[in-house]
């Protein structure tokens, strides 16, 4: 029962953060490499690509894709 309550609260929090004009997962996938490159260069991606940033904050799957891409670039830079 406690798990259901936590899931409901999580859902309501995400619903509250929903905006009228958002990127879909497909949109973010198309822009993710650009987002990551800007992030690696130290650019303020929150201001440059706010819809991508917002989607990553909301979508676990896309965020995991972002983390994987960042890790690959960091590994490449170290070697």
PDB file of N, CA and C in Angstrom:
ATOM      1  N   UNK A   1       0.820  -1.186   0.000  1.00  0.00           N
ATOM      2  CA  UNK A   1       0.000   0.000   0.000  1.00  0.00           C
ATOM      3  C   UNK A   1       0.871   1.259   0.000  1.00  0.00           C
ATOM      4  N   UNK A   2       1.951   1.256   0.772  1.00  0.00           N
ATOM      5  CA  UNK A   2       2.846   2.402   0.865  1.00  0.00           C
ATOM      6  C   UNK A   2       3.510   2.688  -0.491  1.00  0.00           C
ATOM      7  N   UNK A   3       3.835   1.638  -1.222  1.00  0.00           N
ATOM      8  CA  UNK A   3       4.443   1.793  -2.544  1.00  0.00           C
ATOM      9  C   UNK A   3       3.470   2.474  -3.506  1.00  0.00           C
ATOM     10  N   UNK A   4       2.204   2.105  -3.444  1.00  0.00           N
ATOM     11  CA  UNK A   4       1.191   2.742  -4.292  1.00  0.00           C
ATOM     12  C   UNK A   4       1.055   4.216  -3.983  1.00  0.00           C
ATOM     13  N   UNK A   5       1.102   4.569  -2.718  1.00  0.00           N
ATOM     14  CA  UNK A   5       1.004   5.970  -2.315  1.00  0.00           C
ATOM     15  C   UNK A   5       2.198   6.755  -2.846  1.00  0.00           C
ATOM     16  N   UNK A   6       3.385   6.174  -2.769  1.00  0.00           N
ATOM     17  CA  UNK A   6       4.593   6.842  -3.271  1.00  0.00           C
ATOM     18  C   UNK A   6       4.512   7.025  -4.781  1.00  0.00           C
ATOM     19  N   UNK A   7       4.005   6.019  -5.481  1.00  0.00           N
ATOM     20  CA  UNK A   7       3.860   6.124  -6.926  1.00  0.00           C
ATOM     21  C   UNK A   7       2.845   7.204  -7.291  1.00  0.00           C
ATOM     22  N   UNK A   8       1.781   7.304  -6.532  1.00  0.00           N
ATOM     23  CA  UNK A   8       0.763   8.321  -6.780  1.00  0.00           C
ATOM     24  C   UNK A   8       1.337   9.713  -6.559  1.00  0.00           C
ATOM     25  N   UNK A   9       2.071   9.894  -5.486  1.00  0.00           N
ATOM     26  CA  UNK A   9       2.692  11.188  -5.199  1.00  0.00           C
ATOM     27  C   UNK A   9       3.675  11.541  -6.308  1.00  0.00           C
ATOM     28  N   UNK A  10       4.479  10.590  -6.745  1.00  0.00           N
ATOM     29  CA  UNK A  10       5.438  10.824  -7.816  1.00  0.00           C
ATOM     30  C   UNK A  10       4.718  11.240  -9.096  1.00  0.00           C
ATOM     31  N   UNK A  11       3.649  10.535  -9.426  1.00  0.00           N
ATOM     32  CA  UNK A  11       2.874  10.859 -10.613  1.00  0.00           C
ATOM     33  C   UNK A  11       2.304  12.275 -10.533  1.00  0.00           C
ATOM     34  N   UNK A  12       1.754  12.644  -9.391  1.00  0.00           N
ATOM     35  CA  UNK A  12       1.179  13.975  -9.228  1.00  0.00           C
ATOM     36  C   UNK A  12       2.243  15.067  -9.309  1.00  0.00           C
ATOM     37  N   UNK A  13       3.431  14.801  -8.781  1.00  0.00           N
ATOM     38  CA  UNK A  13       4.528  15.766  -8.881  1.00  0.00           C
ATOM     39  C   UNK A  13       4.941  15.963 -10.335  1.00  0.00           C
ATOM     40  N   UNK A  14       5.040  14.875 -11.078  1.00  0.00           N
ATOM     41  CA  UNK A  14       5.399  14.970 -12.485  1.00  0.00           C
ATOM     42  C   UNK A  14       4.305  15.678 -13.276  1.00  0.00           C
ATOM     43  N   UNK A  15       3.071  15.411 -12.953  1.00  0.00           N
ATOM     44  CA  UNK A  15       1.951  16.063 -13.615  1.00  0.00           C
ATOM     45  C   UNK A  15       1.988  17.570 -13.374  1.00  0.00           C
ATOM     46  N   UNK A  16       2.327  17.959 -12.168  1.00  0.00           N
ATOM     47  CA  UNK A  16       2.417  19.381 -11.833  1.00  0.00           C
ATOM     48  C   UNK A  16       3.535  20.074 -12.608  1.00  0.00           C
ATOM     49  N   UNK A  17       4.572  19.334 -12.961  1.00  0.00           N
ATOM     50  CA  UNK A  17       5.704  19.905 -13.695  1.00  0.00           C
ATOM     51  C   UNK A  17       5.472  19.907 -15.204  1.00  0.00           C
ATOM     52  N   UNK A  18       4.391  19.298 -15.653  1.00  0.00           N
ATOM     53  CA  UNK A  18       4.107  19.220 -17.079  1.00  0.00           C
ATOM     54  C   UNK A  18       3.789  20.600 -17.627  1.00  0.00           C
ATOM     55  N   UNK A  19       4.312  20.874 -18.826  1.00  0.00           N
ATOM     56  CA  UNK A  19       4.071  22.148 -19.501  1.00  0.00           C
ATOM     57  C   UNK A  19       3.270  21.895 -20.767  1.00  0.00           C
ATOM     58  N   UNK A  20       2.637  22.944 -21.271  1.00  0.00           N
ATOM     59  CA  UNK A  20       1.836  22.809 -22.485  1.00  0.00           C
ATOM     60  C   UNK A  20       2.692  22.460 -23.699  1.00  0.00           C
ATOM     61  N   UNK A  21       3.862  23.067 -23.780  1.00  0.00           N
ATOM     62  CA  UNK A  21       4.732  22.886 -24.939  1.00  0.00           C
ATOM     63  C   UNK A  21       5.989  22.144 -24.502  1.00  0.00           C
ATOM     64  N   UNK A  22       6.019  20.848 -24.741  1.00  0.00           N
ATOM     65  CA  UNK A  22       7.149  20.016 -24.325  1.00  0.00           C
ATOM     66  C   UNK A  22       7.689  19.220 -25.496  1.00  0.00           C
ATOM     67  N   UNK A  23       8.936  18.799 -25.357  1.00  0.00           N
ATOM     68  CA  UNK A  23       9.529  17.889 -26.338  1.00  0.00           C
ATOM     69  C   UNK A  23       9.110  16.457 -26.016  1.00  0.00           C
ATOM     70  N   UNK A  24       8.933  15.675 -27.061  1.00  0.00           N
ATOM     71  CA  UNK A  24       8.686  14.244 -26.899  1.00  0.00           C
ATOM     72  C   UNK A  24      10.029  13.533 -26.751  1.00  0.00           C
ATOM     73  N   UNK A  25       9.977  12.256 -26.446  1.00  0.00           N
ATOM     74  CA  UNK A  25      11.206  11.458 -26.371  1.00  0.00           C
ATOM     75  C   UNK A  25      11.924  11.463 -27.722  1.00  0.00           C
ATOM     76  N   UNK A  26      11.176  11.390 -28.807  1.00  0.00           N
ATOM     77  CA  UNK A  26      11.785  11.411 -30.142  1.00  0.00           C
ATOM     78  C   UNK A  26      12.474  12.738 -30.399  1.00  0.00           C
ATOM     79  N   UNK A  27      11.862  13.834 -29.980  1.00  0.00           N
ATOM     80  CA  UNK A  27      12.486  15.154 -30.134  1.00  0.00           C
ATOM     81  C   UNK A  27      13.804  15.214 -29.371  1.00  0.00           C
ATOM     82  N   UNK A  28      13.774  14.756 -28.137  1.00  0.00           N
ATOM     83  CA  UNK A  28      14.971  14.791 -27.284  1.00  0.00           C
ATOM     84  C   UNK A  28      16.059  13.893 -27.861  1.00  0.00           C
ATOM     85  N   UNK A  29      15.680  12.728 -28.346  1.00  0.00           N
ATOM     86  CA  UNK A  29      16.664  11.820 -28.939  1.00  0.00           C
ATOM     87  C   UNK A  29      17.388  12.498 -30.099  1.00  0.00           C
ATOM     88  N   UNK A  30      16.662  13.267 -30.899  1.00  0.00           N
ATOM     89  CA  UNK A  30      17.258  13.972 -32.038  1.00  0.00           C
ATOM     90  C   UNK A  30      18.211  15.088 -31.594  1.00  0.00           C
ATOM     91  N   UNK A  31      17.966  15.658 -30.434  1.00  0.00           N
ATOM     92  CA  UNK A  31      18.758  16.798 -29.954  1.00  0.00           C
ATOM     93  C   UNK A  31      19.789  16.432 -28.896  1.00  0.00           C
ATOM     94  N   UNK A  32      19.785  15.203 -28.440  1.00  0.00           N
ATOM     95  CA  UNK A  32      20.600  14.816 -27.292  1.00  0.00           C
ATOM     96  C   UNK A  32      22.093  14.978 -27.542  1.00  0.00           C
ATOM     97  N   UNK A  33      22.573  14.621 -28.722  1.00  0.00           N
ATOM     98  CA  UNK A  33      24.006  14.772 -28.986  1.00  0.00           C
ATOM     99  C   UNK A  33      24.425  16.234 -28.927  1.00  0.00           C
ATOM    100  N   UNK A  34      23.601  17.116 -29.459  1.00  0.00           N
ATOM    101  CA  UNK A  34      23.890  18.549 -29.404  1.00  0.00           C
ATOM    102  C   UNK A  34      23.876  19.043 -27.955  1.00  0.00           C
ATOM    103  N   UNK A  35      22.902  18.597 -27.191  1.00  0.00           N
ATOM    104  CA  UNK A  35      22.785  18.976 -25.783  1.00  0.00           C
ATOM    105  C   UNK A  35      24.031  18.556 -25.015  1.00  0.00           C
ATOM    106  N   UNK A  36      24.461  17.317 -25.223  1.00  0.00           N
ATOM    107  CA  UNK A  36      25.630  16.786 -24.514  1.00  0.00           C
ATOM    108  C   UNK A  36      26.895  17.529 -24.932  1.00  0.00           C
ATOM    109  N   UNK A  37      27.065  17.801 -26.210  1.00  0.00           N
ATOM    110  CA  UNK A  37      28.247  18.536 -26.665  1.00  0.00           C
ATOM    111  C   UNK A  37      28.308  19.918 -26.028  1.00  0.00           C
ATOM    112  N   UNK A  38      27.185  20.602 -25.970  1.00  0.00           N
ATOM    113  CA  UNK A  38      27.149  21.917 -25.326  1.00  0.00           C
ATOM    114  C   UNK A  38      27.480  21.805 -23.841  1.00  0.00           C
ATOM    115  N   UNK A  39      26.933  20.786 -23.203  1.00  0.00           N
ATOM    116  CA  UNK A  39      27.187  20.563 -21.770  1.00  0.00           C
ATOM    117  C   UNK A  39      28.672  20.321 -21.521  1.00  0.00           C
ATOM    118  N   UNK A  40      29.291  19.489 -22.355  1.00  0.00           N
ATOM    119  CA  UNK A  40      30.716  19.180 -22.210  1.00  0.00           C
ATOM    120  C   UNK A  40      31.566  20.442 -22.401  1.00  0.00           C
ATOM    121  N   UNK A  41      31.147  21.317 -23.287  1.00  0.00           N
ATOM    122  CA  UNK A  41      31.873  22.571 -23.534  1.00  0.00           C
ATOM    123  C   UNK A  41      31.673  23.592 -22.424  1.00  0.00           C
ATOM    124  N   UNK A  42      30.763  23.294 -21.506  1.00  0.00           N
ATOM    125  CA  UNK A  42      30.522  24.203 -20.384  1.00  0.00           C
ATOM    126  C   UNK A  42      29.427  25.221 -20.639  1.00  0.00           C
ATOM    127  N   UNK A  43      28.667  25.037 -21.706  1.00  0.00           N
ATOM    128  CA  UNK A  43      27.586  25.965 -22.016  1.00  0.00           C
ATOM    129  C   UNK A  43      26.435  25.795 -21.027  1.00  0.00           C
ATOM    130  N   UNK A  44      25.649  26.825 -20.880  1.00  0.00           N
ATOM    131  CA  UNK A  44      24.491  26.794 -19.992  1.00  0.00           C
ATOM    132  C   UNK A  44      23.320  26.163 -20.740  1.00  0.00           C
ATOM    133  N   UNK A  45      23.269  24.837 -20.723  1.00  0.00           N
ATOM    134  CA  UNK A  45      22.241  24.117 -21.476  1.00  0.00           C
ATOM    135  C   UNK A  45      20.840  24.372 -20.928  1.00  0.00           C
ATOM    136  N   UNK A  46      20.739  24.740 -19.658  1.00  0.00           N
ATOM    137  CA  UNK A  46      19.432  25.061 -19.083  1.00  0.00           C
ATOM    138  C   UNK A  46      18.799  26.241 -19.811  1.00  0.00           C
ATOM    139  N   UNK A  47      19.625  27.197 -20.216  1.00  0.00           N
ATOM    140  CA  UNK A  47      19.125  28.370 -20.930  1.00  0.00           C
ATOM    141  C   UNK A  47      19.084  28.144 -22.440  1.00  0.00           C
ATOM    142  N   UNK A  48      20.056  27.421 -22.965  1.00  0.00           N
ATOM    143  CA  UNK A  48      20.123  27.207 -24.404  1.00  0.00           C
ATOM    144  C   UNK A  48      19.104  26.193 -24.911  1.00  0.00           C
ATOM    145  N   UNK A  49      18.853  25.170 -24.130  1.00  0.00           N
ATOM    146  CA  UNK A  49      17.939  24.097 -24.541  1.00  0.00           C
ATOM    147  C   UNK A  49      17.020  23.717 -23.381  1.00  0.00           C
ATOM    148  N   UNK A  50      16.198  24.655 -22.918  1.00  0.00           N
ATOM    149  CA  UNK A  50      15.382  24.394 -21.720  1.00  0.00           C
ATOM    150  C   UNK A  50      14.368  23.265 -21.884  1.00  0.00           C
ATOM    151  N   UNK A  51      13.847  23.071 -23.080  1.00  0.00           N
ATOM    152  CA  UNK A  51      12.859  22.002 -23.272  1.00  0.00           C
ATOM    153  C   UNK A  51      13.506  20.627 -23.165  1.00  0.00           C
ATOM    154  N   UNK A  52      14.740  20.517 -23.663  1.00  0.00           N
ATOM    155  CA  UNK A  52      15.466  19.250 -23.533  1.00  0.00           C
ATOM    156  C   UNK A  52      15.773  18.999 -22.066  1.00  0.00           C
ATOM    157  N   UNK A  53      16.272  20.011 -21.380  1.00  0.00           N
ATOM    158  CA  UNK A  53      16.588  19.879 -19.957  1.00  0.00           C
ATOM    159  C   UNK A  53      15.344  19.489 -19.159  1.00  0.00           C
ATOM    160  N   UNK A  54      14.232  20.133 -19.451  1.00  0.00           N
ATOM    161  CA  UNK A  54      12.989  19.821 -18.741  1.00  0.00           C
ATOM    162  C   UNK A  54      12.578  18.367 -18.991  1.00  0.00           C
ATOM    163  N   UNK A  55      12.679  17.926 -20.230  1.00  0.00           N
ATOM    164  CA  UNK A  55      12.304  16.549 -20.554  1.00  0.00           C
ATOM    165  C   UNK A  55      13.211  15.558 -19.819  1.00  0.00           C
ATOM    166  N   UNK A  56      14.500  15.842 -19.782  1.00  0.00           N
ATOM    167  CA  UNK A  56      15.432  14.954 -19.086  1.00  0.00           C
ATOM    168  C   UNK A  56      15.112  14.892 -17.592  1.00  0.00           C
ATOM    169  N   UNK A  57      14.645  16.000 -17.045  1.00  0.00           N
ATOM    170  CA  UNK A  57      14.254  16.017 -15.631  1.00  0.00           C
ATOM    171  C   UNK A  57      13.011  15.164 -15.378  1.00  0.00           C
ATOM    172  N   UNK A  58      12.188  14.998 -16.408  1.00  0.00           N
ATOM    173  CA  UNK A  58      10.917  14.300 -16.263  1.00  0.00           C
ATOM    174  C   UNK A  58      10.966  12.832 -16.707  1.00  0.00           C
ATOM    175  N   UNK A  59      11.851  12.501 -17.633  1.00  0.00           N
ATOM    176  CA  UNK A  59      11.807  11.192 -18.286  1.00  0.00           C
ATOM    177  C   UNK A  59      13.024  10.345 -17.909  1.00  0.00           C
ATOM    178  N   UNK A  60      12.786   9.302 -17.174  1.00  0.00           N
ATOM    179  CA  UNK A  60      13.861   8.418 -16.708  1.00  0.00           C
ATOM    180  C   UNK A  60      14.612   7.771 -17.874  1.00  0.00           C
ATOM    181  N   UNK A  61      13.887   7.309 -18.892  1.00  0.00           N
ATOM    182  CA  UNK A  61      14.531   6.631 -20.017  1.00  0.00           C
ATOM    183  C   UNK A  61      15.463   7.571 -20.778  1.00  0.00           C
ATOM    184  N   UNK A  62      14.993   8.772 -21.064  1.00  0.00           N
ATOM    185  CA  UNK A  62      15.831   9.734 -21.791  1.00  0.00           C
ATOM    186  C   UNK A  62      17.012  10.186 -20.934  1.00  0.00           C
ATOM    187  N   UNK A  63      16.778  10.325 -19.630  1.00  0.00           N
ATOM    188  CA  UNK A  63      17.875  10.713 -18.741  1.00  0.00           C
ATOM    189  C   UNK A  63      18.952   9.631 -18.710  1.00  0.00           C
ATOM    190  N   UNK A  64      18.547   8.376 -18.726  1.00  0.00           N
ATOM    191  CA  UNK A  64      19.525   7.289 -18.752  1.00  0.00           C
ATOM    192  C   UNK A  64      20.328   7.314 -20.055  1.00  0.00           C
ATOM    193  N   UNK A  65      19.674   7.632 -21.157  1.00  0.00           N
ATOM    194  CA  UNK A  65      20.365   7.768 -22.444  1.00  0.00           C
ATOM    195  C   UNK A  65      21.378   8.916 -22.378  1.00  0.00           C
ATOM    196  N   UNK A  66      20.964  10.019 -21.779  1.00  0.00           N
ATOM    197  CA  UNK A  66      21.853  11.169 -21.577  1.00  0.00           C
ATOM    198  C   UNK A  66      23.066  10.782 -20.730  1.00  0.00           C
ATOM    199  N   UNK A  67      22.836  10.101 -19.629  1.00  0.00           N
ATOM    200  CA  UNK A  67      23.932   9.679 -18.757  1.00  0.00           C
ATOM    201  C   UNK A  67      24.904   8.755 -19.488  1.00  0.00           C
ATOM    202  N   UNK A  68      24.385   7.855 -20.297  1.00  0.00           N
ATOM    203  CA  UNK A  68      25.234   6.934 -21.054  1.00  0.00           C
ATOM    204  C   UNK A  68      26.100   7.690 -22.051  1.00  0.00           C
ATOM    205  N   UNK A  69      25.507   8.645 -22.727  1.00  0.00           N
ATOM    206  CA  UNK A  69      26.261   9.440 -23.695  1.00  0.00           C
ATOM    207  C   UNK A  69      27.331  10.279 -23.004  1.00  0.00           C
ATOM    208  N   UNK A  70      26.991  10.872 -21.882  1.00  0.00           N
ATOM    209  CA  UNK A  70      27.973  11.651 -21.117  1.00  0.00           C
ATOM    210  C   UNK A  70      29.114  10.756 -20.645  1.00  0.00           C
ATOM    211  N   UNK A  71      28.798   9.578 -20.159  1.00  0.00           N
ATOM    212  CA  UNK A  71      29.828   8.650 -19.683  1.00  0.00           C
ATOM    213  C   UNK A  71      30.739   8.225 -20.826  1.00  0.00           C
ATOM    214  N   UNK A  72      30.178   7.977 -21.992  1.00  0.00           N
ATOM    215  CA  UNK A  72      30.985   7.583 -23.147  1.00  0.00           C
ATOM    216  C   UNK A  72      31.935   8.708 -23.544  1.00  0.00           C
ATOM    217  N   UNK A  73      31.454   9.934 -23.544  1.00  0.00           N
ATOM    218  CA  UNK A  73      32.316  11.069 -23.892  1.00  0.00           C
ATOM    219  C   UNK A  73      33.400  11.288 -22.851  1.00  0.00           C
ATOM    220  N   UNK A  74      33.063  11.138 -21.591  1.00  0.00           N
ATOM    221  CA  UNK A  74      34.041  11.303 -20.519  1.00  0.00           C
ATOM    222  C   UNK A  74      35.105  10.194 -20.607  1.00  0.00           C
ATOM    223  N   UNK A  75      34.688   8.980 -20.907  1.00  0.00           N
ATOM    224  CA  UNK A  75      35.634   7.869 -21.050  1.00  0.00           C
ATOM    225  C   UNK A  75      36.568   8.133 -22.223  1.00  0.00           C
ATOM    226  N   UNK A  76      36.010   8.591 -23.326  1.00  0.00           N
ATOM    227  CA  UNK A  76      36.791   8.901 -24.522  1.00  0.00           C
ATOM    228  C   UNK A  76      37.806  10.006 -24.242  1.00  0.00           C
ATOM    229  N   UNK A  77      37.394  11.006 -23.476  1.00  0.00           N
ATOM    230  CA  UNK A  77      38.285  12.116 -23.164  1.00  0.00           C
ATOM    231  C   UNK A  77      39.435  11.688 -22.254  1.00  0.00           C
ATOM    232  N   UNK A  78      39.191  10.698 -21.395  1.00  0.00           N
ATOM    233  CA  UNK A  78      40.222  10.205 -20.481  1.00  0.00           C
ATOM    234  C   UNK A  78      41.249   9.322 -21.172  1.00  0.00           C
ATOM    235  N   UNK A  79      40.873   8.737 -22.289  1.00  0.00           N
ATOM    236  CA  UNK A  79      41.774   7.784 -22.969  1.00  0.00           C
ATOM    237  C   UNK A  79      42.354   8.350 -24.226  1.00  0.00           C
TER     238      UNK A  79
END
